[in-house]
PDB file of N, CA and C in Angstrom:
ATOM      1  N   MET A   1      22.590  16.950 -32.356  1.00  0.00           N
ATOM      2  CA  MET A   1      22.581  15.550 -31.971  1.00  0.00           C
ATOM      3  C   MET A   1      23.248  15.365 -30.429  1.00  0.00           C
ATOM      4  N   SER A   2      22.671  15.043 -29.536  1.00  0.00           N
ATOM      5  CA  SER A   2      23.239  14.679 -28.273  1.00  0.00           C
ATOM      6  C   SER A   2      22.462  13.700 -27.521  1.00  0.00           C
ATOM      7  N   LYS A   3      23.008  13.278 -26.410  1.00  0.00           N
ATOM      8  CA  LYS A   3      22.368  12.092 -25.479  1.00  0.00           C
ATOM      9  C   LYS A   3      21.046  12.666 -24.807  1.00  0.00           C
ATOM     10  N   ASP A   4      21.140  13.937 -24.701  1.00  0.00           N
ATOM     11  CA  ASP A   4      19.780  14.534 -23.910  1.00  0.00           C
ATOM     12  C   ASP A   4      18.517  14.618 -24.904  1.00  0.00           C
ATOM     13  N   VAL A   5      17.446  14.248 -24.346  1.00  0.00           N
ATOM     14  CA  VAL A   5      16.325  14.150 -25.211  1.00  0.00           C
ATOM     15  C   VAL A   5      15.494  15.335 -24.829  1.00  0.00           C
ATOM     16  N   GLY A   6      15.039  16.138 -25.687  1.00  0.00           N
ATOM     17  CA  GLY A   6      14.267  17.303 -25.524  1.00  0.00           C
ATOM     18  C   GLY A   6      12.785  17.170 -25.690  1.00  0.00           C
ATOM     19  N   VAL A   7      12.060  17.960 -25.278  1.00  0.00           N
ATOM     20  CA  VAL A   7      10.519  17.926 -25.410  1.00  0.00           C
ATOM     21  C   VAL A   7      10.179  17.938 -26.915  1.00  0.00           C
ATOM     22  N   ASP A   8      10.906  18.684 -27.646  1.00  0.00           N
ATOM     23  CA  ASP A   8      10.455  18.780 -29.164  1.00  0.00           C
ATOM     24  C   ASP A   8      11.104  17.695 -30.047  1.00  0.00           C
ATOM     25  N   ASP A   9      11.756  16.845 -29.462  1.00  0.00           N
ATOM     26  CA  ASP A   9      12.553  15.684 -30.155  1.00  0.00           C
ATOM     27  C   ASP A   9      11.427  14.637 -30.700  1.00  0.00           C
ATOM     28  N   VAL A  10      11.719  14.228 -32.065  1.00  0.00           N
ATOM     29  CA  VAL A  10      10.713  13.303 -32.538  1.00  0.00           C
ATOM     30  C   VAL A  10      11.592  12.116 -32.844  1.00  0.00           C
ATOM     31  N   PHE A  11      10.939  10.886 -32.726  1.00  0.00           N
ATOM     32  CA  PHE A  11      11.665   9.676 -33.089  1.00  0.00           C
ATOM     33  C   PHE A  11      10.829   8.737 -34.113  1.00  0.00           C
ATOM     34  N   PHE A  12      11.476   8.073 -34.947  1.00  0.00           N
ATOM     35  CA  PHE A  12      10.784   7.295 -35.938  1.00  0.00           C
ATOM     36  C   PHE A  12      11.352   5.961 -35.810  1.00  0.00           C
ATOM     37  N   PHE A  13      10.477   4.878 -36.297  1.00  0.00           N
ATOM     38  CA  PHE A  13      10.924   3.631 -36.330  1.00  0.00           C
ATOM     39  C   PHE A  13      11.239   3.271 -37.711  1.00  0.00           C
ATOM     40  N   ASN A  14      12.413   2.707 -38.074  1.00  0.00           N
ATOM     41  CA  ASN A  14      12.816   2.356 -39.428  1.00  0.00           C
ATOM     42  C   ASN A  14      12.505   0.767 -39.525  1.00  0.00           C
ATOM     43  N   ASP A  15      11.387   0.525 -40.226  1.00  0.00           N
ATOM     44  CA  ASP A  15      10.884  -0.921 -40.403  1.00  0.00           C
ATOM     45  C   ASP A  15      11.722  -1.474 -41.586  1.00  0.00           C
ATOM     46  N   LYS A  16      12.633  -0.836 -42.335  1.00  0.00           N
ATOM     47  CA  LYS A  16      13.321  -1.449 -43.308  1.00  0.00           C
ATOM     48  C   LYS A  16      14.798  -1.698 -42.905  1.00  0.00           C
ATOM     49  N   PHE A  17      15.042  -1.425 -41.640  1.00  0.00           N
ATOM     50  CA  PHE A  17      16.339  -1.674 -41.189  1.00  0.00           C
ATOM     51  C   PHE A  17      16.615  -3.175 -40.921  1.00  0.00           C
ATOM     52  N   SER A  18      17.721  -3.691 -41.463  1.00  0.00           N
ATOM     53  CA  SER A  18      18.114  -5.092 -41.243  1.00  0.00           C
ATOM     54  C   SER A  18      19.614  -5.004 -40.747  1.00  0.00           C
ATOM     55  N   SER A  19      19.855  -6.132 -40.020  1.00  0.00           N
ATOM     56  CA  SER A  19      21.234  -6.159 -39.539  1.00  0.00           C
ATOM     57  C   SER A  19      21.605  -7.788 -39.478  1.00  0.00           C
ATOM     58  N   LYS A  20      22.954  -8.009 -39.628  1.00  0.00           N
ATOM     59  CA  LYS A  20      23.274  -9.366 -39.514  1.00  0.00           C
ATOM     60  C   LYS A  20      23.437  -9.756 -37.962  1.00  0.00           C
ATOM     61  N   PHE A  21      23.428  -8.728 -37.206  1.00  0.00           N
ATOM     62  CA  PHE A  21      23.454  -8.961 -35.741  1.00  0.00           C
ATOM     63  C   PHE A  21      22.061  -9.178 -35.104  1.00  0.00           C
ATOM     64  N   TYR A  22      21.938  -9.880 -34.211  1.00  0.00           N
ATOM     65  CA  TYR A  22      20.665 -10.272 -33.660  1.00  0.00           C
ATOM     66  C   TYR A  22      20.378  -9.206 -32.604  1.00  0.00           C
ATOM     67  N   ARG A  23      21.274  -8.466 -32.008  1.00  0.00           N
ATOM     68  CA  ARG A  23      20.913  -7.689 -30.899  1.00  0.00           C
ATOM     69  C   ARG A  23      21.223  -6.231 -31.515  1.00  0.00           C
ATOM     70  N   VAL A  24      20.299  -5.374 -30.964  1.00  0.00           N
ATOM     71  CA  VAL A  24      20.465  -3.934 -31.214  1.00  0.00           C
ATOM     72  C   VAL A  24      20.565  -3.057 -29.916  1.00  0.00           C
ATOM     73  N   ASN A  25      21.695  -2.533 -29.477  1.00  0.00           N
ATOM     74  CA  ASN A  25      21.826  -1.841 -28.219  1.00  0.00           C
ATOM     75  C   ASN A  25      21.262  -0.431 -28.540  1.00  0.00           C
ATOM     76  N   MET A  26      20.356  -0.126 -27.513  1.00  0.00           N
ATOM     77  CA  MET A  26      19.696   1.206 -27.517  1.00  0.00           C
ATOM     78  C   MET A  26      20.002   1.850 -26.096  1.00  0.00           C
ATOM     79  N   GLY A  27      20.368   3.210 -26.089  1.00  0.00           N
ATOM     80  CA  GLY A  27      20.604   3.697 -24.853  1.00  0.00           C
ATOM     81  C   GLY A  27      19.090   3.843 -24.185  1.00  0.00           C
ATOM     82  N   SER A  28      19.192   3.885 -22.818  1.00  0.00           N
ATOM     83  CA  SER A  28      17.914   4.019 -22.105  1.00  0.00           C
ATOM     84  C   SER A  28      17.791   5.384 -21.388  1.00  0.00           C
ATOM     85  N   VAL A  29      16.643   5.801 -21.217  1.00  0.00           N
ATOM     86  CA  VAL A  29      16.472   6.967 -20.691  1.00  0.00           C
ATOM     87  C   VAL A  29      16.343   6.813 -19.185  1.00  0.00           C
ATOM     88  N   VAL A  30      17.113   7.583 -18.418  1.00  0.00           N
ATOM     89  CA  VAL A  30      17.210   7.459 -16.998  1.00  0.00           C
ATOM     90  C   VAL A  30      16.107   8.333 -16.408  1.00  0.00           C
ATOM     91  N   ALA A  31      15.369   7.667 -15.478  1.00  0.00           N
ATOM     92  CA  ALA A  31      14.352   8.490 -14.894  1.00  0.00           C
ATOM     93  C   ALA A  31      14.932   9.341 -13.703  1.00  0.00           C
ATOM     94  N   GLN A  32      14.261  10.559 -13.606  1.00  0.00           N
ATOM     95  CA  GLN A  32      14.740  11.538 -12.585  1.00  0.00           C
ATOM     96  C   GLN A  32      14.518  11.124 -11.173  1.00  0.00           C
ATOM     97  N   LYS A  33      15.254  11.191 -10.267  1.00  0.00           N
ATOM     98  CA  LYS A  33      14.965  10.763  -8.870  1.00  0.00           C
ATOM     99  C   LYS A  33      14.071  11.783  -8.221  1.00  0.00           C
ATOM    100  N   GLU A  34      13.390  11.268  -7.212  1.00  0.00           N
ATOM    101  CA  GLU A  34      12.390  12.232  -6.589  1.00  0.00           C
ATOM    102  C   GLU A  34      13.324  13.098  -5.403  1.00  0.00           C
ATOM    103  N   SER A  35      12.928  14.202  -5.260  1.00  0.00           N
ATOM    104  CA  SER A  35      13.575  15.110  -4.345  1.00  0.00           C
ATOM    105  C   SER A  35      13.107  14.580  -3.026  1.00  0.00           C
ATOM    106  N   GLU A  36      13.697  15.087  -1.867  1.00  0.00           N
ATOM    107  CA  GLU A  36      13.238  14.506  -0.663  1.00  0.00           C
ATOM    108  C   GLU A  36      11.859  14.986  -0.181  1.00  0.00           C
ATOM    109  N   PRO A  37      11.357  16.166  -0.483  1.00  0.00           N
ATOM    110  CA  PRO A  37       9.979  16.405  -0.246  1.00  0.00           C
ATOM    111  C   PRO A  37       8.989  15.661  -0.928  1.00  0.00           C
ATOM    112  N   GLU A  38       9.262  15.266  -2.232  1.00  0.00           N
ATOM    113  CA  GLU A  38       8.515  14.491  -3.063  1.00  0.00           C
ATOM    114  C   GLU A  38       8.385  12.972  -2.448  1.00  0.00           C
ATOM    115  N   THR A  39       9.480  12.558  -1.965  1.00  0.00           N
ATOM    116  CA  THR A  39       9.671  11.256  -1.320  1.00  0.00           C
ATOM    117  C   THR A  39       8.827  11.193  -0.124  1.00  0.00           C
ATOM    118  N   GLN A  40       8.908  12.295   0.721  1.00  0.00           N
ATOM    119  CA  GLN A  40       8.029  12.297   1.997  1.00  0.00           C
ATOM    120  C   GLN A  40       6.506  12.431   1.623  1.00  0.00           C
ATOM    121  N   GLU A  41       6.225  13.121   0.647  1.00  0.00           N
ATOM    122  CA  GLU A  41       4.881  13.205   0.168  1.00  0.00           C
ATOM    123  C   GLU A  41       4.257  11.898  -0.198  1.00  0.00           C
ATOM    124  N   THR A  42       5.077  11.147  -0.985  1.00  0.00           N
ATOM    125  CA  THR A  42       4.592   9.913  -1.446  1.00  0.00           C
ATOM    126  C   THR A  42       4.587   8.933  -0.326  1.00  0.00           C
ATOM    127  N   ARG A  43       5.651   8.785   0.647  1.00  0.00           N
ATOM    128  CA  ARG A  43       5.371   7.925   1.715  1.00  0.00           C
ATOM    129  C   ARG A  43       4.119   8.185   2.532  1.00  0.00           C
ATOM    130  N   GLN A  44       3.752   9.509   2.674  1.00  0.00           N
ATOM    131  CA  GLN A  44       2.743  10.010   3.483  1.00  0.00           C
ATOM    132  C   GLN A  44       1.407   9.464   2.772  1.00  0.00           C
ATOM    133  N   ARG A  45       1.261   9.555   1.436  1.00  0.00           N
ATOM    134  CA  ARG A  45       0.038   9.129   0.871  1.00  0.00           C
ATOM    135  C   ARG A  45       0.072   7.579   0.882  1.00  0.00           C
ATOM    136  N   VAL A  46       1.154   6.798   0.845  1.00  0.00           N
ATOM    137  CA  VAL A  46       1.161   5.278   0.871  1.00  0.00           C
ATOM    138  C   VAL A  46       0.619   5.089   2.252  1.00  0.00           C
ATOM    139  N   GLN A  47       1.057   5.754   3.310  1.00  0.00           N
ATOM    140  CA  GLN A  47       0.559   5.333   4.641  1.00  0.00           C
ATOM    141  C   GLN A  47      -0.899   5.702   4.760  1.00  0.00           C
ATOM    142  N   GLU A  48      -1.355   6.800   4.177  1.00  0.00           N
ATOM    143  CA  GLU A  48      -2.845   7.041   4.277  1.00  0.00           C
ATOM    144  C   GLU A  48      -3.681   5.992   3.595  1.00  0.00           C
ATOM    145  N   ASP A  49      -3.238   5.450   2.527  1.00  0.00           N
ATOM    146  CA  ASP A  49      -3.803   4.449   1.777  1.00  0.00           C
ATOM    147  C   ASP A  49      -3.884   3.140   2.462  1.00  0.00           C
ATOM    148  N   ARG A  50      -2.740   2.800   3.187  1.00  0.00           N
ATOM    149  CA  ARG A  50      -2.667   1.459   3.974  1.00  0.00           C
ATOM    150  C   ARG A  50      -3.698   1.694   5.236  1.00  0.00           C
ATOM    151  N   LYS A  51      -3.917   2.752   5.672  1.00  0.00           N
ATOM    152  CA  LYS A  51      -4.766   2.937   6.967  1.00  0.00           C
ATOM    153  C   LYS A  51      -6.054   2.406   6.455  1.00  0.00           C
ATOM    154  N   PHE A  52      -6.534   2.910   5.400  1.00  0.00           N
ATOM    155  CA  PHE A  52      -7.868   2.385   4.766  1.00  0.00           C
ATOM    156  C   PHE A  52      -7.972   0.960   4.473  1.00  0.00           C
ATOM    157  N   GLN A  53      -6.985   0.314   4.020  1.00  0.00           N
ATOM    158  CA  GLN A  53      -6.808  -0.997   3.745  1.00  0.00           C
ATOM    159  C   GLN A  53      -6.778  -1.714   5.069  1.00  0.00           C
ATOM    160  N   ILE A  54      -5.967  -1.387   6.127  1.00  0.00           N
ATOM    161  CA  ILE A  54      -6.023  -1.924   7.421  1.00  0.00           C
ATOM    162  C   ILE A  54      -7.446  -1.798   8.124  1.00  0.00           C
ATOM    163  N   GLU A  55      -8.186  -0.810   8.009  1.00  0.00           N
ATOM    164  CA  GLU A  55      -9.463  -0.648   8.593  1.00  0.00           C
ATOM    165  C   GLU A  55     -10.478  -1.520   7.830  1.00  0.00           C
ATOM    166  N   ALA A  56     -10.311  -1.561   6.562  1.00  0.00           N
ATOM    167  CA  ALA A  56     -11.332  -2.460   5.923  1.00  0.00           C
ATOM    168  C   ALA A  56     -11.173  -3.890   6.274  1.00  0.00           C
ATOM    169  N   ALA A  57      -9.867  -4.398   6.427  1.00  0.00           N
ATOM    170  CA  ALA A  57      -9.551  -5.706   6.749  1.00  0.00           C
ATOM    171  C   ALA A  57     -10.135  -5.948   7.960  1.00  0.00           C
ATOM    172  N   ILE A  58      -9.873  -5.139   9.006  1.00  0.00           N
ATOM    173  CA  ILE A  58     -10.368  -5.238  10.415  1.00  0.00           C
ATOM    174  C   ILE A  58     -11.934  -5.387  10.478  1.00  0.00           C
ATOM    175  N   VAL A  59     -12.564  -4.514   9.644  1.00  0.00           N
ATOM    176  CA  VAL A  59     -14.053  -4.497   9.777  1.00  0.00           C
ATOM    177  C   VAL A  59     -14.505  -5.886   9.021  1.00  0.00           C
ATOM    178  N   ARG A  60     -13.829  -6.370   7.888  1.00  0.00           N
ATOM    179  CA  ARG A  60     -14.326  -7.553   7.213  1.00  0.00           C
ATOM    180  C   ARG A  60     -14.059  -8.905   8.260  1.00  0.00           C
ATOM    181  N   ILE A  61     -13.093  -8.773   9.029  1.00  0.00           N
ATOM    182  CA  ILE A  61     -12.800  -9.818   9.903  1.00  0.00           C
ATOM    183  C   ILE A  61     -13.803  -9.792  11.167  1.00  0.00           C
ATOM    184  N   MET A  62     -13.890  -8.622  11.609  1.00  0.00           N
ATOM    185  CA  MET A  62     -15.059  -8.553  12.804  1.00  0.00           C
ATOM    186  C   MET A  62     -16.371  -8.690  12.421  1.00  0.00           C
ATOM    187  N   LYS A  63     -16.788  -8.339  11.114  1.00  0.00           N
ATOM    188  CA  LYS A  63     -18.051  -8.695  10.705  1.00  0.00           C
ATOM    189  C   LYS A  63     -18.341 -10.325  10.558  1.00  0.00           C
ATOM    190  N   ALA A  64     -17.359 -10.884  10.230  1.00  0.00           N
ATOM    191  CA  ALA A  64     -17.418 -12.415  10.105  1.00  0.00           C
ATOM    192  C   ALA A  64     -17.378 -13.155  11.493  1.00  0.00           C
ATOM    193  N   ARG A  65     -16.567 -12.676  12.307  1.00  0.00           N
ATOM    194  CA  ARG A  65     -16.382 -13.240  13.798  1.00  0.00           C
ATOM    195  C   ARG A  65     -17.173 -12.672  14.853  1.00  0.00           C
ATOM    196  N   ARG A  66     -17.600 -11.339  14.783  1.00  0.00           N
ATOM    197  CA  ARG A  66     -18.432 -10.716  15.764  1.00  0.00           C
ATOM    198  C   ARG A  66     -17.608 -10.385  16.982  1.00  0.00           C
ATOM    199  N   VAL A  67     -16.745 -11.317  17.621  1.00  0.00           N
ATOM    200  CA  VAL A  67     -16.078 -10.951  18.917  1.00  0.00           C
ATOM    201  C   VAL A  67     -14.759 -11.727  18.604  1.00  0.00           C
ATOM    202  N   LEU A  68     -13.645 -10.930  19.043  1.00  0.00           N
ATOM    203  CA  LEU A  68     -12.320 -11.451  18.723  1.00  0.00           C
ATOM    204  C   LEU A  68     -11.384 -10.754  19.639  1.00  0.00           C
ATOM    205  N   ASP A  69     -10.388 -11.341  20.157  1.00  0.00           N
ATOM    206  CA  ASP A  69      -9.335 -10.633  20.993  1.00  0.00           C
ATOM    207  C   ASP A  69      -8.275  -9.912  20.112  1.00  0.00           C
ATOM    208  N   HIS A  70      -7.481  -9.101  20.622  1.00  0.00           N
ATOM    209  CA  HIS A  70      -6.615  -8.277  20.096  1.00  0.00           C
ATOM    210  C   HIS A  70      -5.467  -9.052  19.246  1.00  0.00           C
ATOM    211  N   ASP A  71      -5.012 -10.038  19.943  1.00  0.00           N
ATOM    212  CA  ASP A  71      -3.982 -10.796  19.188  1.00  0.00           C
ATOM    213  C   ASP A  71      -4.399 -11.439  17.902  1.00  0.00           C
ATOM    214  N   ASN A  72      -5.510 -12.132  17.957  1.00  0.00           N
ATOM    215  CA  ASN A  72      -6.150 -12.645  16.881  1.00  0.00           C
ATOM    216  C   ASN A  72      -6.624 -11.678  15.730  1.00  0.00           C
ATOM    217  N   ILE A  73      -6.985 -10.563  16.133  1.00  0.00           N
ATOM    218  CA  ILE A  73      -7.342  -9.488  15.153  1.00  0.00           C
ATOM    219  C   ILE A  73      -6.066  -9.051  14.244  1.00  0.00           C
ATOM    220  N   VAL A  74      -4.744  -8.918  15.055  1.00  0.00           N
ATOM    221  CA  VAL A  74      -3.607  -8.409  14.462  1.00  0.00           C
ATOM    222  C   VAL A  74      -3.057  -9.525  13.545  1.00  0.00           C
ATOM    223  N   ALA A  75      -3.151 -10.918  14.012  1.00  0.00           N
ATOM    224  CA  ALA A  75      -2.760 -12.024  13.213  1.00  0.00           C
ATOM    225  C   ALA A  75      -3.665 -12.075  12.010  1.00  0.00           C
ATOM    226  N   GLU A  76      -4.889 -11.938  12.066  1.00  0.00           N
ATOM    227  CA  GLU A  76      -5.804 -12.153  10.921  1.00  0.00           C
ATOM    228  C   GLU A  76      -5.496 -10.895   9.988  1.00  0.00           C
ATOM    229  N   VAL A  77      -5.266  -9.640  10.384  1.00  0.00           N
ATOM    230  CA  VAL A  77      -5.199  -8.712   9.499  1.00  0.00           C
ATOM    231  C   VAL A  77      -3.796  -8.835   8.816  1.00  0.00           C
ATOM    232  N   THR A  78      -2.848  -9.193   9.468  1.00  0.00           N
ATOM    233  CA  THR A  78      -1.430  -9.468   8.906  1.00  0.00           C
ATOM    234  C   THR A  78      -1.536 -10.515   7.951  1.00  0.00           C
ATOM    235  N   LYS A  79      -2.354 -11.505   8.271  1.00  0.00           N
ATOM    236  CA  LYS A  79      -2.331 -12.583   7.239  1.00  0.00           C
ATOM    237  C   LYS A  79      -3.164 -12.192   6.012  1.00  0.00           C
ATOM    238  N   GLN A  80      -4.206 -11.347   6.070  1.00  0.00           N
ATOM    239  CA  GLN A  80      -4.987 -10.880   4.901  1.00  0.00           C
ATOM    240  C   GLN A  80      -4.131  -9.883   4.077  1.00  0.00           C
ATOM    241  N   LEU A  81      -3.276  -9.051   4.702  1.00  0.00           N
ATOM    242  CA  LEU A  81      -2.677  -8.026   3.913  1.00  0.00           C
ATOM    243  C   LEU A  81      -1.202  -8.406   3.676  1.00  0.00           C
ATOM    244  N   LYS A  82      -0.687  -9.585   3.948  1.00  0.00           N
ATOM    245  CA  LYS A  82       0.781  -9.766   3.691  1.00  0.00           C
ATOM    246  C   LYS A  82       0.887  -9.952   2.243  1.00  0.00           C
ATOM    247  N   SER A  83       0.121 -10.071   1.247  1.00  0.00           N
ATOM    248  CA  SER A  83       0.438 -10.139  -0.070  1.00  0.00           C
ATOM    249  C   SER A  83       0.569  -8.753  -0.596  1.00  0.00           C
ATOM    250  N   ARG A  84       0.152  -7.666   0.127  1.00  0.00           N
ATOM    251  CA  ARG A  84       0.166  -6.242  -0.401  1.00  0.00           C
ATOM    252  C   ARG A  84       1.367  -5.594   0.265  1.00  0.00           C
ATOM    253  N   PHE A  85       1.439  -5.743   1.634  1.00  0.00           N
ATOM    254  CA  PHE A  85       2.405  -5.153   2.514  1.00  0.00           C
ATOM    255  C   PHE A  85       2.433  -5.747   3.881  1.00  0.00           C
ATOM    256  N   SER A  86       3.466  -5.469   4.615  1.00  0.00           N
ATOM    257  CA  SER A  86       3.387  -6.157   6.088  1.00  0.00           C
ATOM    258  C   SER A  86       2.987  -4.864   7.230  1.00  0.00           C
ATOM    259  N   PRO A  87       1.917  -5.082   7.613  1.00  0.00           N
ATOM    260  CA  PRO A  87       1.223  -4.019   8.502  1.00  0.00           C
ATOM    261  C   PRO A  87       2.026  -4.015   9.889  1.00  0.00           C
ATOM    262  N   ASN A  88       2.184  -2.870  10.417  1.00  0.00           N
ATOM    263  CA  ASN A  88       2.962  -2.769  11.809  1.00  0.00           C
ATOM    264  C   ASN A  88       1.635  -3.023  12.731  1.00  0.00           C
ATOM    265  N   PRO A  89       1.949  -3.758  13.811  1.00  0.00           N
ATOM    266  CA  PRO A  89       1.077  -4.010  14.875  1.00  0.00           C
ATOM    267  C   PRO A  89       0.686  -2.699  15.512  1.00  0.00           C
ATOM    268  N   VAL A  90       1.511  -1.776  15.754  1.00  0.00           N
ATOM    269  CA  VAL A  90       1.138  -0.692  16.221  1.00  0.00           C
ATOM    270  C   VAL A  90       0.064   0.215  15.446  1.00  0.00           C
ATOM    271  N   VAL A  91       0.382   0.135  14.130  1.00  0.00           N
ATOM    272  CA  VAL A  91      -0.620   0.826  13.313  1.00  0.00           C
ATOM    273  C   VAL A  91      -1.960   0.165  13.357  1.00  0.00           C
ATOM    274  N   ILE A  92      -2.045  -1.211  13.458  1.00  0.00           N
ATOM    275  CA  ILE A  92      -3.271  -2.027  13.486  1.00  0.00           C
ATOM    276  C   ILE A  92      -4.086  -1.568  14.878  1.00  0.00           C
ATOM    277  N   LYS A  93      -3.377  -1.436  15.690  1.00  0.00           N
ATOM    278  CA  LYS A  93      -3.822  -1.033  17.038  1.00  0.00           C
ATOM    279  C   LYS A  93      -4.412   0.293  17.018  1.00  0.00           C
ATOM    280  N   ASN A  94      -3.692   1.366  16.355  1.00  0.00           N
ATOM    281  CA  ASN A  94      -4.269   2.773  16.223  1.00  0.00           C
ATOM    282  C   ASN A  94      -5.540   2.737  15.316  1.00  0.00           C
ATOM    283  N   ARG A  95      -5.677   1.747  14.315  1.00  0.00           N
ATOM    284  CA  ARG A  95      -6.775   1.626  13.456  1.00  0.00           C
ATOM    285  C   ARG A  95      -7.839   1.086  14.217  1.00  0.00           C
ATOM    286  N   ILE A  96      -7.670   0.208  15.082  1.00  0.00           N
ATOM    287  CA  ILE A  96      -8.585  -0.443  15.992  1.00  0.00           C
ATOM    288  C   ILE A  96      -9.351   0.684  16.839  1.00  0.00           C
ATOM    289  N   GLU A  97      -8.438   1.497  17.378  1.00  0.00           N
ATOM    290  CA  GLU A  97      -8.898   2.638  18.339  1.00  0.00           C
ATOM    291  C   GLU A  97      -9.803   3.639  17.479  1.00  0.00           C
ATOM    292  N   SER A  98      -9.434   3.872  16.345  1.00  0.00           N
ATOM    293  CA  SER A  98      -9.986   4.811  15.377  1.00  0.00           C
ATOM    294  C   SER A  98     -11.512   4.256  15.070  1.00  0.00           C
ATOM    295  N   LEU A  99     -11.567   2.913  14.805  1.00  0.00           N
ATOM    296  CA  LEU A  99     -12.840   2.283  14.662  1.00  0.00           C
ATOM    297  C   LEU A  99     -13.627   2.284  15.832  1.00  0.00           C
ATOM    298  N   ILE A 100     -13.121   2.076  16.971  1.00  0.00           N
ATOM    299  CA  ILE A 100     -13.807   2.300  18.328  1.00  0.00           C
ATOM    300  C   ILE A 100     -14.380   3.647  18.372  1.00  0.00           C
ATOM    301  N   GLU A 101     -13.610   4.657  18.109  1.00  0.00           N
ATOM    302  CA  GLU A 101     -14.105   6.131  18.228  1.00  0.00           C
ATOM    303  C   GLU A 101     -15.227   6.341  17.284  1.00  0.00           C
ATOM    304  N   ARG A 102     -15.175   5.681  16.070  1.00  0.00           N
ATOM    305  CA  ARG A 102     -16.225   5.821  15.107  1.00  0.00           C
ATOM    306  C   ARG A 102     -17.461   5.004  15.320  1.00  0.00           C
ATOM    307  N   GLU A 103     -17.400   4.207  16.256  1.00  0.00           N
ATOM    308  CA  GLU A 103     -18.499   3.261  16.735  1.00  0.00           C
ATOM    309  C   GLU A 103     -18.626   2.235  15.647  1.00  0.00           C
ATOM    310  N   TYR A 104     -17.600   1.558  15.031  1.00  0.00           N
ATOM    311  CA  TYR A 104     -17.728   0.257  14.409  1.00  0.00           C
ATOM    312  C   TYR A 104     -17.331  -0.991  15.328  1.00  0.00           C
ATOM    313  N   LEU A 105     -16.534  -0.614  16.358  1.00  0.00           N
ATOM    314  CA  LEU A 105     -16.089  -1.673  17.133  1.00  0.00           C
ATOM    315  C   LEU A 105     -16.275  -1.087  18.643  1.00  0.00           C
ATOM    316  N   GLU A 106     -16.378  -1.983  19.490  1.00  0.00           N
ATOM    317  CA  GLU A 106     -16.335  -1.636  21.007  1.00  0.00           C
ATOM    318  C   GLU A 106     -15.557  -2.653  21.832  1.00  0.00           C
ATOM    319  N   GLN A 107     -14.969  -2.202  22.943  1.00  0.00           N
ATOM    320  CA  GLN A 107     -14.259  -3.202  23.630  1.00  0.00           C
ATOM    321  C   GLN A 107     -15.079  -3.860  24.550  1.00  0.00           C
ATOM    322  N   ASP A 108     -14.981  -5.143  24.889  1.00  0.00           N
ATOM    323  CA  ASP A 108     -15.882  -6.148  25.543  1.00  0.00           C
ATOM    324  C   ASP A 108     -15.739  -5.537  26.978  1.00  0.00           C
ATOM    325  N   LYS A 109     -16.953  -5.405  27.561  1.00  0.00           N
ATOM    326  CA  LYS A 109     -17.007  -4.968  29.023  1.00  0.00           C
ATOM    327  C   LYS A 109     -16.358  -5.865  30.004  1.00  0.00           C
ATOM    328  N   GLY A 110     -16.346  -7.046  29.720  1.00  0.00           N
ATOM    329  CA  GLY A 110     -15.723  -8.047  30.595  1.00  0.00           C
ATOM    330  C   GLY A 110     -14.272  -8.140  30.628  1.00  0.00           C
ATOM    331  N   ASP A 111     -13.817  -8.338  29.394  1.00  0.00           N
ATOM    332  CA  ASP A 111     -12.306  -8.435  28.837  1.00  0.00           C
ATOM    333  C   ASP A 111     -11.898  -7.293  27.992  1.00  0.00           C
ATOM    334  N   LYS A 112     -10.988  -6.550  28.462  1.00  0.00           N
ATOM    335  CA  LYS A 112     -10.662  -5.275  27.756  1.00  0.00           C
ATOM    336  C   LYS A 112      -9.788  -5.707  26.612  1.00  0.00           C
ATOM    337  N   LYS A 113      -9.285  -7.037  26.560  1.00  0.00           N
ATOM    338  CA  LYS A 113      -8.472  -7.254  25.282  1.00  0.00           C
ATOM    339  C   LYS A 113      -9.342  -7.930  24.106  1.00  0.00           C
ATOM    340  N   LYS A 114     -10.671  -8.043  24.276  1.00  0.00           N
ATOM    341  CA  LYS A 114     -11.543  -8.471  23.302  1.00  0.00           C
ATOM    342  C   LYS A 114     -12.308  -7.237  22.767  1.00  0.00           C
ATOM    343  N   TYR A 115     -12.594  -7.391  21.449  1.00  0.00           N
ATOM    344  CA  TYR A 115     -13.376  -6.295  20.638  1.00  0.00           C
ATOM    345  C   TYR A 115     -14.583  -6.984  20.085  1.00  0.00           C
ATOM    346  N   ARG A 116     -15.663  -6.251  20.150  1.00  0.00           N
ATOM    347  CA  ARG A 116     -17.033  -6.587  19.583  1.00  0.00           C
ATOM    348  C   ARG A 116     -17.313  -5.769  18.371  1.00  0.00           C
ATOM    349  N   TYR A 117     -17.976  -6.385  17.401  1.00  0.00           N
ATOM    350  CA  TYR A 117     -18.222  -5.592  16.249  1.00  0.00           C
ATOM    351  C   TYR A 117     -19.784  -5.083  16.413  1.00  0.00           C
ATOM    352  N   LEU A 118     -19.932  -3.939  16.074  1.00  0.00           N
ATOM    353  CA  LEU A 118     -21.160  -3.102  16.241  1.00  0.00           C
ATOM    354  C   LEU A 118     -21.853  -3.107  14.889  1.00  0.00           C
ATOM    355  N   PRO A 119     -23.026  -3.805  14.843  1.00  0.00           N
ATOM    356  CA  PRO A 119     -23.619  -3.737  13.362  1.00  0.00           C
ATOM    357  C   PRO A 119     -24.358  -2.365  13.198  1.00  0.00           C
TER     358      PRO A 119
END
């Protein structure tokens, strides 16, 4: 008997147990902390997932609006994603550039701050 829980340990629930006290204190199992490489890997995966969410939000907005300037895109994306996370404007700009490279968007020829959706 020790505080350490092993892989082969078995626990049973005693449904016949009764006590005059209303509370029963049970020790909790402490989760192991992630190591530094695991933390970095987790952060990297979260950043990759967020990139796709940001791109999806940009495409949704641009599909609806067709033409929009940079500041309004950043504001709309931030508004759409604020319930999940707070996107960084620099990351949004990088995602816009990525969408331009993949020909989902293009910069307006007359005004470089405006973007146009390519159907």
